[in-house]
PDB file of N, CA and C in Angstrom:
ATOM      1  N   MET A   1      31.853 -14.349 -29.381  1.00  0.00           N
ATOM      2  CA  MET A   1      31.570 -15.337 -28.962  1.00  0.00           C
ATOM      3  C   MET A   1      31.867 -16.809 -30.350  1.00  0.00           C
ATOM      4  N   ARG A   2      32.869 -17.300 -30.299  1.00  0.00           N
ATOM      5  CA  ARG A   2      32.868 -18.248 -31.412  1.00  0.00           C
ATOM      6  C   ARG A   2      31.541 -19.460 -31.921  1.00  0.00           C
ATOM      7  N   PRO A   3      31.690 -19.748 -32.567  1.00  0.00           N
ATOM      8  CA  PRO A   3      30.399 -21.105 -32.352  1.00  0.00           C
ATOM      9  C   PRO A   3      30.532 -22.352 -31.980  1.00  0.00           C
ATOM     10  N   ALA A   4      29.110 -22.712 -31.138  1.00  0.00           N
ATOM     11  CA  ALA A   4      29.032 -23.684 -30.212  1.00  0.00           C
ATOM     12  C   ALA A   4      30.040 -24.463 -30.743  1.00  0.00           C
ATOM     13  N   MET A   5      29.705 -25.296 -32.733  1.00  0.00           N
ATOM     14  CA  MET A   5      30.633 -25.469 -32.706  1.00  0.00           C
ATOM     15  C   MET A   5      31.301 -26.260 -32.922  1.00  0.00           C
ATOM     16  N   SER A   6      32.122 -25.220 -32.379  1.00  0.00           N
ATOM     17  CA  SER A   6      33.890 -25.415 -32.580  1.00  0.00           C
ATOM     18  C   SER A   6      34.429 -25.262 -31.078  1.00  0.00           C
ATOM     19  N   ASP A   7      33.988 -25.931 -30.081  1.00  0.00           N
ATOM     20  CA  ASP A   7      34.532 -25.020 -28.574  1.00  0.00           C
ATOM     21  C   ASP A   7      34.586 -26.595 -28.244  1.00  0.00           C
ATOM     22  N   PRO A   8      36.163 -26.694 -27.755  1.00  0.00           N
ATOM     23  CA  PRO A   8      36.549 -27.788 -27.617  1.00  0.00           C
ATOM     24  C   PRO A   8      36.200 -28.074 -26.421  1.00  0.00           C
ATOM     25  N   ILE A   9      36.404 -27.036 -25.563  1.00  0.00           N
ATOM     26  CA  ILE A   9      36.157 -27.559 -24.168  1.00  0.00           C
ATOM     27  C   ILE A   9      34.643 -28.050 -24.201  1.00  0.00           C
ATOM     28  N   ARG A  10      33.247 -27.595 -24.451  1.00  0.00           N
ATOM     29  CA  ARG A  10      32.277 -28.453 -25.215  1.00  0.00           C
ATOM     30  C   ARG A  10      32.530 -29.780 -24.909  1.00  0.00           C
ATOM     31  N   GLU A  11      33.338 -30.025 -26.544  1.00  0.00           N
ATOM     32  CA  GLU A  11      33.148 -31.306 -26.720  1.00  0.00           C
ATOM     33  C   GLU A  11      34.268 -32.419 -25.761  1.00  0.00           C
ATOM     34  N   LEU A  12      34.858 -31.583 -25.260  1.00  0.00           N
ATOM     35  CA  LEU A  12      35.385 -32.468 -24.625  1.00  0.00           C
ATOM     36  C   LEU A  12      34.839 -33.033 -23.691  1.00  0.00           C
ATOM     37  N   LEU A  13      33.854 -32.194 -23.118  1.00  0.00           N
ATOM     38  CA  LEU A  13      33.218 -32.775 -21.736  1.00  0.00           C
ATOM     39  C   LEU A  13      31.325 -33.474 -22.123  1.00  0.00           C
ATOM     40  N   ALA A  14      31.463 -33.160 -23.186  1.00  0.00           N
ATOM     41  CA  ALA A  14      30.160 -33.886 -23.823  1.00  0.00           C
ATOM     42  C   ALA A  14      30.995 -35.469 -24.083  1.00  0.00           C
ATOM     43  N   ASP A  15      32.294 -35.629 -24.294  1.00  0.00           N
ATOM     44  CA  ASP A  15      32.491 -37.415 -24.629  1.00  0.00           C
ATOM     45  C   ASP A  15      32.706 -38.110 -23.344  1.00  0.00           C
ATOM     46  N   LEU A  16      32.937 -37.224 -22.389  1.00  0.00           N
ATOM     47  CA  LEU A  16      33.133 -37.602 -20.900  1.00  0.00           C
ATOM     48  C   LEU A  16      31.668 -38.460 -20.056  1.00  0.00           C
ATOM     49  N   PRO A  17      31.953 -39.604 -19.206  1.00  0.00           N
ATOM     50  CA  PRO A  17      30.192 -40.184 -19.333  1.00  0.00           C
ATOM     51  C   PRO A  17      30.055 -39.214 -17.784  1.00  0.00           C
ATOM     52  N   LEU A  18      28.568 -39.653 -18.402  1.00  0.00           N
ATOM     53  CA  LEU A  18      28.604 -39.126 -16.544  1.00  0.00           C
ATOM     54  C   LEU A  18      28.635 -39.690 -15.429  1.00  0.00           C
ATOM     55  N   ALA A  19      28.680 -39.056 -14.293  1.00  0.00           N
ATOM     56  CA  ALA A  19      29.201 -39.556 -13.714  1.00  0.00           C
ATOM     57  C   ALA A  19      27.914 -39.472 -11.946  1.00  0.00           C
ATOM     58  N   ASN A  20      28.158 -41.064 -11.771  1.00  0.00           N
ATOM     59  CA  ASN A  20      27.223 -41.020 -10.729  1.00  0.00           C
ATOM     60  C   ASN A  20      27.483 -40.289  -9.034  1.00  0.00           C
ATOM     61  N   MET A  21      27.146 -39.359  -8.942  1.00  0.00           N
ATOM     62  CA  MET A  21      27.704 -38.356  -7.604  1.00  0.00           C
ATOM     63  C   MET A  21      26.168 -38.590  -6.814  1.00  0.00           C
ATOM     64  N   VAL A  22      26.709 -38.692  -5.495  1.00  0.00           N
ATOM     65  CA  VAL A  22      25.857 -38.862  -4.486  1.00  0.00           C
ATOM     66  C   VAL A  22      25.448 -37.269  -4.007  1.00  0.00           C
ATOM     67  N   ASP A  23      24.245 -37.191  -4.500  1.00  0.00           N
ATOM     68  CA  ASP A  23      23.826 -36.022  -4.014  1.00  0.00           C
ATOM     69  C   ASP A  23      23.606 -34.663  -5.154  1.00  0.00           C
ATOM     70  N   ARG A  24      23.716 -35.351  -6.335  1.00  0.00           N
ATOM     71  CA  ARG A  24      23.790 -34.819  -7.386  1.00  0.00           C
ATOM     72  C   ARG A  24      22.298 -33.798  -6.993  1.00  0.00           C
ATOM     73  N   PRO A  25      22.478 -32.532  -7.665  1.00  0.00           N
ATOM     74  CA  PRO A  25      21.536 -31.255  -7.295  1.00  0.00           C
ATOM     75  C   PRO A  25      20.490 -31.921  -8.473  1.00  0.00           C
ATOM     76  N   VAL A  26      19.246 -31.756  -7.992  1.00  0.00           N
ATOM     77  CA  VAL A  26      18.716 -32.114  -9.247  1.00  0.00           C
ATOM     78  C   VAL A  26      18.481 -31.384 -10.583  1.00  0.00           C
ATOM     79  N   GLY A  27      18.046 -32.497 -11.380  1.00  0.00           N
ATOM     80  CA  GLY A  27      18.453 -31.033 -12.952  1.00  0.00           C
ATOM     81  C   GLY A  27      19.564 -30.969 -13.096  1.00  0.00           C
ATOM     82  N   MET A  28      21.009 -30.999 -12.653  1.00  0.00           N
ATOM     83  CA  MET A  28      21.883 -30.942 -13.071  1.00  0.00           C
ATOM     84  C   MET A  28      22.815 -32.128 -13.454  1.00  0.00           C
ATOM     85  N   ILE A  29      23.819 -32.045 -14.690  1.00  0.00           N
ATOM     86  CA  ILE A  29      24.503 -32.977 -14.964  1.00  0.00           C
ATOM     87  C   ILE A  29      25.775 -33.277 -14.357  1.00  0.00           C
ATOM     88  N   ALA A  30      26.349 -34.684 -14.306  1.00  0.00           N
ATOM     89  CA  ALA A  30      27.539 -34.285 -13.289  1.00  0.00           C
ATOM     90  C   ALA A  30      28.797 -35.025 -13.819  1.00  0.00           C
ATOM     91  N   LEU A  31      29.842 -34.393 -14.132  1.00  0.00           N
ATOM     92  CA  LEU A  31      31.084 -34.864 -14.820  1.00  0.00           C
ATOM     93  C   LEU A  31      31.897 -35.447 -13.603  1.00  0.00           C
ATOM     94  N   ARG A  32      32.711 -36.441 -13.606  1.00  0.00           N
ATOM     95  CA  ARG A  32      34.191 -36.098 -12.674  1.00  0.00           C
ATOM     96  C   ARG A  32      35.600 -35.944 -12.921  1.00  0.00           C
ATOM     97  N   ARG A  33      35.667 -34.514 -12.528  1.00  0.00           N
ATOM     98  CA  ARG A  33      36.727 -33.705 -12.701  1.00  0.00           C
ATOM     99  C   ARG A  33      37.768 -34.148 -13.109  1.00  0.00           C
ATOM    100  N   SER A  34      38.223 -35.208 -12.687  1.00  0.00           N
ATOM    101  CA  SER A  34      39.125 -36.334 -12.782  1.00  0.00           C
ATOM    102  C   SER A  34      39.762 -37.171 -14.592  1.00  0.00           C
ATOM    103  N   GLU A  35      38.520 -36.910 -15.014  1.00  0.00           N
ATOM    104  CA  GLU A  35      38.178 -37.064 -16.693  1.00  0.00           C
ATOM    105  C   GLU A  35      38.664 -36.512 -17.108  1.00  0.00           C
ATOM    106  N   VAL A  36      39.282 -35.216 -16.974  1.00  0.00           N
ATOM    107  CA  VAL A  36      39.853 -34.072 -18.088  1.00  0.00           C
ATOM    108  C   VAL A  36      41.377 -33.974 -17.197  1.00  0.00           C
ATOM    109  N   PRO A  37      41.691 -33.663 -18.202  1.00  0.00           N
ATOM    110  CA  PRO A  37      43.273 -33.982 -18.647  1.00  0.00           C
ATOM    111  C   PRO A  37      43.682 -32.833 -17.756  1.00  0.00           C
ATOM    112  N   ASP A  38      45.098 -33.110 -16.322  1.00  0.00           N
ATOM    113  CA  ASP A  38      45.694 -32.181 -15.860  1.00  0.00           C
ATOM    114  C   ASP A  38      45.459 -30.468 -16.743  1.00  0.00           C
ATOM    115  N   ALA A  39      46.216 -30.931 -17.591  1.00  0.00           N
ATOM    116  CA  ALA A  39      46.745 -29.399 -18.506  1.00  0.00           C
ATOM    117  C   ALA A  39      45.486 -28.903 -18.692  1.00  0.00           C
ATOM    118  N   GLU A  40      44.198 -29.296 -18.809  1.00  0.00           N
ATOM    119  CA  GLU A  40      43.197 -28.801 -19.520  1.00  0.00           C
ATOM    120  C   GLU A  40      42.455 -28.032 -18.545  1.00  0.00           C
ATOM    121  N   ARG A  41      42.468 -28.486 -16.846  1.00  0.00           N
ATOM    122  CA  ARG A  41      41.689 -27.839 -15.855  1.00  0.00           C
ATOM    123  C   ARG A  41      41.175 -26.998 -15.318  1.00  0.00           C
ATOM    124  N   ALA A  42      41.979 -25.586 -15.655  1.00  0.00           N
ATOM    125  CA  ALA A  42      41.585 -25.019 -15.350  1.00  0.00           C
ATOM    126  C   ALA A  42      41.131 -24.163 -16.865  1.00  0.00           C
ATOM    127  N   SER A  43      41.081 -24.070 -18.146  1.00  0.00           N
ATOM    128  CA  SER A  43      40.609 -23.911 -18.919  1.00  0.00           C
ATOM    129  C   SER A  43      38.869 -24.108 -18.842  1.00  0.00           C
ATOM    130  N   VAL A  44      39.120 -25.510 -18.769  1.00  0.00           N
ATOM    131  CA  VAL A  44      37.419 -26.203 -18.145  1.00  0.00           C
ATOM    132  C   VAL A  44      37.018 -25.471 -16.928  1.00  0.00           C
ATOM    133  N   ASP A  45      37.611 -25.522 -15.595  1.00  0.00           N
ATOM    134  CA  ASP A  45      36.796 -24.900 -14.684  1.00  0.00           C
ATOM    135  C   ASP A  45      36.328 -23.696 -14.993  1.00  0.00           C
ATOM    136  N   ALA A  46      37.386 -22.687 -15.824  1.00  0.00           N
ATOM    137  CA  ALA A  46      36.729 -21.375 -16.220  1.00  0.00           C
ATOM    138  C   ALA A  46      35.350 -21.868 -17.069  1.00  0.00           C
ATOM    139  N   TRP A  47      35.345 -22.778 -17.663  1.00  0.00           N
ATOM    140  CA  TRP A  47      34.317 -22.809 -18.854  1.00  0.00           C
ATOM    141  C   TRP A  47      33.294 -23.067 -18.203  1.00  0.00           C
ATOM    142  N   VAL A  48      33.441 -23.769 -17.235  1.00  0.00           N
ATOM    143  CA  VAL A  48      32.042 -24.725 -16.304  1.00  0.00           C
ATOM    144  C   VAL A  48      31.427 -22.962 -15.415  1.00  0.00           C
ATOM    145  N   GLU A  49      32.382 -22.537 -14.804  1.00  0.00           N
ATOM    146  CA  GLU A  49      31.795 -21.841 -13.591  1.00  0.00           C
ATOM    147  C   GLU A  49      31.303 -20.352 -14.794  1.00  0.00           C
ATOM    148  N   GLU A  50      31.897 -19.953 -15.651  1.00  0.00           N
ATOM    149  CA  GLU A  50      30.959 -18.987 -16.957  1.00  0.00           C
ATOM    150  C   GLU A  50      29.722 -19.519 -16.910  1.00  0.00           C
ATOM    151  N   ARG A  51      29.079 -20.645 -17.222  1.00  0.00           N
ATOM    152  CA  ARG A  51      27.985 -21.541 -17.770  1.00  0.00           C
ATOM    153  C   ARG A  51      26.852 -22.040 -16.726  1.00  0.00           C
ATOM    154  N   GLY A  52      27.278 -21.364 -16.046  1.00  0.00           N
ATOM    155  CA  GLY A  52      26.579 -21.429 -14.294  1.00  0.00           C
ATOM    156  C   GLY A  52      26.625 -22.995 -13.795  1.00  0.00           C
ATOM    157  N   GLY A  53      27.847 -23.206 -14.188  1.00  0.00           N
ATOM    158  CA  GLY A  53      27.956 -24.600 -13.426  1.00  0.00           C
ATOM    159  C   GLY A  53      29.373 -24.400 -12.319  1.00  0.00           C
ATOM    160  N   ARG A  54      29.467 -25.539 -11.244  1.00  0.00           N
ATOM    161  CA  ARG A  54      30.496 -25.220 -10.177  1.00  0.00           C
ATOM    162  C   ARG A  54      31.132 -26.600  -9.865  1.00  0.00           C
ATOM    163  N   ILE A  55      32.116 -26.724  -9.326  1.00  0.00           N
ATOM    164  CA  ILE A  55      33.089 -27.608  -9.128  1.00  0.00           C
ATOM    165  C   ILE A  55      32.413 -28.013  -7.096  1.00  0.00           C
ATOM    166  N   VAL A  56      32.161 -29.159  -7.975  1.00  0.00           N
ATOM    167  CA  VAL A  56      31.432 -29.744  -6.027  1.00  0.00           C
ATOM    168  C   VAL A  56      32.243 -30.689  -6.086  1.00  0.00           C
ATOM    169  N   SER A  57      32.859 -31.199  -4.330  1.00  0.00           N
ATOM    170  CA  SER A  57      33.122 -32.628  -3.839  1.00  0.00           C
ATOM    171  C   SER A  57      32.724 -33.027  -3.479  1.00  0.00           C
ATOM    172  N   ASP A  58      32.768 -34.512  -3.469  1.00  0.00           N
ATOM    173  CA  ASP A  58      31.512 -35.302  -3.013  1.00  0.00           C
ATOM    174  C   ASP A  58      32.526 -35.692  -1.523  1.00  0.00           C
ATOM    175  N   SER A  59      31.594 -35.981  -0.459  1.00  0.00           N
ATOM    176  CA  SER A  59      32.117 -36.506   1.123  1.00  0.00           C
ATOM    177  C   SER A  59      32.974 -38.041   0.669  1.00  0.00           C
ATOM    178  N   VAL A  60      33.688 -38.378   1.413  1.00  0.00           N
ATOM    179  CA  VAL A  60      34.478 -39.514   1.257  1.00  0.00           C
ATOM    180  C   VAL A  60      33.797 -40.587   1.723  1.00  0.00           C
ATOM    181  N   PHE A  61      32.372 -40.045   2.473  1.00  0.00           N
ATOM    182  CA  PHE A  61      31.622 -41.082   3.454  1.00  0.00           C
ATOM    183  C   PHE A  61      30.333 -40.587   3.304  1.00  0.00           C
ATOM    184  N   LYS A  62      29.262 -41.100   3.355  1.00  0.00           N
ATOM    185  CA  LYS A  62      27.939 -40.270   3.903  1.00  0.00           C
ATOM    186  C   LYS A  62      27.350 -41.413   4.846  1.00  0.00           C
ATOM    187  N   VAL A  63      26.786 -40.125   5.491  1.00  0.00           N
ATOM    188  CA  VAL A  63      26.057 -40.674   7.158  1.00  0.00           C
ATOM    189  C   VAL A  63      24.912 -41.074   6.535  1.00  0.00           C
ATOM    190  N   HIS A  64      23.916 -42.504   6.910  1.00  0.00           N
ATOM    191  CA  HIS A  64      22.671 -43.165   6.482  1.00  0.00           C
ATOM    192  C   HIS A  64      21.906 -42.308   7.668  1.00  0.00           C
ATOM    193  N   ASN A  65      20.485 -41.954   7.019  1.00  0.00           N
ATOM    194  CA  ASN A  65      19.745 -41.208   8.551  1.00  0.00           C
ATOM    195  C   ASN A  65      20.404 -40.372   9.331  1.00  0.00           C
ATOM    196  N   GLY A  66      21.425 -39.215   8.756  1.00  0.00           N
ATOM    197  CA  GLY A  66      21.371 -38.669   9.272  1.00  0.00           C
ATOM    198  C   GLY A  66      22.075 -37.423   8.466  1.00  0.00           C
ATOM    199  N   ARG A  67      22.644 -36.496   9.071  1.00  0.00           N
ATOM    200  CA  ARG A  67      23.301 -35.805   8.376  1.00  0.00           C
ATOM    201  C   ARG A  67      25.128 -36.497   7.759  1.00  0.00           C
ATOM    202  N   SER A  68      25.345 -35.562   6.364  1.00  0.00           N
ATOM    203  CA  SER A  68      26.502 -35.930   6.155  1.00  0.00           C
ATOM    204  C   SER A  68      27.402 -35.046   6.180  1.00  0.00           C
ATOM    205  N   PRO A  69      28.437 -35.421   6.549  1.00  0.00           N
ATOM    206  CA  PRO A  69      29.350 -34.172   6.716  1.00  0.00           C
ATOM    207  C   PRO A  69      29.335 -33.164   5.699  1.00  0.00           C
ATOM    208  N   GLU A  70      30.275 -32.358   5.813  1.00  0.00           N
ATOM    209  CA  GLU A  70      30.445 -31.041   4.676  1.00  0.00           C
ATOM    210  C   GLU A  70      31.439 -32.158   3.928  1.00  0.00           C
ATOM    211  N   ALA A  71      31.445 -31.611   2.403  1.00  0.00           N
ATOM    212  CA  ALA A  71      31.960 -32.130   1.289  1.00  0.00           C
ATOM    213  C   ALA A  71      33.794 -31.863   1.631  1.00  0.00           C
ATOM    214  N   GLY A  72      34.427 -32.120   1.276  1.00  0.00           N
ATOM    215  CA  GLY A  72      35.659 -32.687   1.125  1.00  0.00           C
ATOM    216  C   GLY A  72      36.078 -34.086   1.030  1.00  0.00           C
ATOM    217  N   GLY A  73      37.425 -33.824   0.786  1.00  0.00           N
ATOM    218  CA  GLY A  73      38.017 -35.353   0.619  1.00  0.00           C
ATOM    219  C   GLY A  73      38.122 -36.100  -0.285  1.00  0.00           C
ATOM    220  N   GLY A  74      36.909 -35.990  -0.895  1.00  0.00           N
ATOM    221  CA  GLY A  74      36.132 -37.326  -2.009  1.00  0.00           C
ATOM    222  C   GLY A  74      36.658 -36.377  -3.478  1.00  0.00           C
ATOM    223  N   ASP A  75      36.076 -37.576  -4.694  1.00  0.00           N
ATOM    224  CA  ASP A  75      36.147 -37.008  -5.475  1.00  0.00           C
ATOM    225  C   ASP A  75      35.685 -35.430  -5.931  1.00  0.00           C
ATOM    226  N   ALA A  76      35.916 -34.629  -6.846  1.00  0.00           N
ATOM    227  CA  ALA A  76      35.797 -33.692  -7.661  1.00  0.00           C
ATOM    228  C   ALA A  76      34.987 -33.929  -8.655  1.00  0.00           C
ATOM    229  N   PHE A  77      33.844 -33.369  -8.661  1.00  0.00           N
ATOM    230  CA  PHE A  77      33.002 -33.586  -9.982  1.00  0.00           C
ATOM    231  C   PHE A  77      32.581 -31.471 -10.364  1.00  0.00           C
ATOM    232  N   TYR A  78      32.337 -31.559 -11.596  1.00  0.00           N
ATOM    233  CA  TYR A  78      31.920 -30.580 -12.387  1.00  0.00           C
ATOM    234  C   TYR A  78      30.232 -30.807 -12.281  1.00  0.00           C
ATOM    235  N   VAL A  79      29.414 -29.709 -12.206  1.00  0.00           N
ATOM    236  CA  VAL A  79      28.450 -30.295 -11.630  1.00  0.00           C
ATOM    237  C   VAL A  79      27.366 -28.989 -13.027  1.00  0.00           C
ATOM    238  N   LEU A  80      27.127 -29.021 -13.639  1.00  0.00           N
ATOM    239  CA  LEU A  80      26.442 -28.274 -14.724  1.00  0.00           C
ATOM    240  C   LEU A  80      24.822 -28.233 -15.323  1.00  0.00           C
ATOM    241  N   PRO A  81      24.245 -27.011 -15.370  1.00  0.00           N
ATOM    242  CA  PRO A  81      23.132 -27.103 -16.111  1.00  0.00           C
ATOM    243  C   PRO A  81      22.802 -27.783 -17.739  1.00  0.00           C
ATOM    244  N   PRO A  82      22.166 -28.363 -17.688  1.00  0.00           N
ATOM    245  CA  PRO A  82      22.159 -29.368 -19.519  1.00  0.00           C
ATOM    246  C   PRO A  82      22.342 -28.112 -20.756  1.00  0.00           C
ATOM    247  N   SER A  83      21.881 -26.692 -20.461  1.00  0.00           N
ATOM    248  CA  SER A  83      22.252 -25.506 -20.988  1.00  0.00           C
ATOM    249  C   SER A  83      23.252 -25.523 -20.989  1.00  0.00           C
ATOM    250  N   ALA A  84      24.013 -26.014 -20.485  1.00  0.00           N
ATOM    251  CA  ALA A  84      25.994 -25.738 -21.283  1.00  0.00           C
ATOM    252  C   ALA A  84      26.281 -26.277 -21.783  1.00  0.00           C
ATOM    253  N   PHE A  85      25.648 -27.687 -22.349  1.00  0.00           N
ATOM    254  CA  PHE A  85      25.908 -27.719 -23.764  1.00  0.00           C
ATOM    255  C   PHE A  85      25.050 -27.987 -24.600  1.00  0.00           C
ATOM    256  N   LYS A  86      23.826 -26.842 -24.691  1.00  0.00           N
ATOM    257  CA  LYS A  86      23.694 -26.335 -25.661  1.00  0.00           C
ATOM    258  C   LYS A  86      23.827 -25.753 -27.294  1.00  0.00           C
ATOM    259  N   VAL A  87      23.557 -26.419 -27.904  1.00  0.00           N
ATOM    260  CA  VAL A  87      24.450 -25.678 -29.379  1.00  0.00           C
ATOM    261  C   VAL A  87      23.660 -24.434 -29.706  1.00  0.00           C
TER     262      VAL A  87
END
């Protein structure tokens, strides 16, 4: 494995702003997937999953005082543990 300092995907994700995702899992970092260039998404998707993260779609709308509909149709986010960014 390459040294963490030369990991271009980690550097790309670390430069993205944190996303204000509704229902972000506690202790996880959320980044908006649309911020990653289209040509890089397949590689970034794999990198995220290899490090314990996942891609989560936010619902188009949320229901207050009740259950939100199943995710879908909204923005996609990378949800990662902070350890994915440790060097």
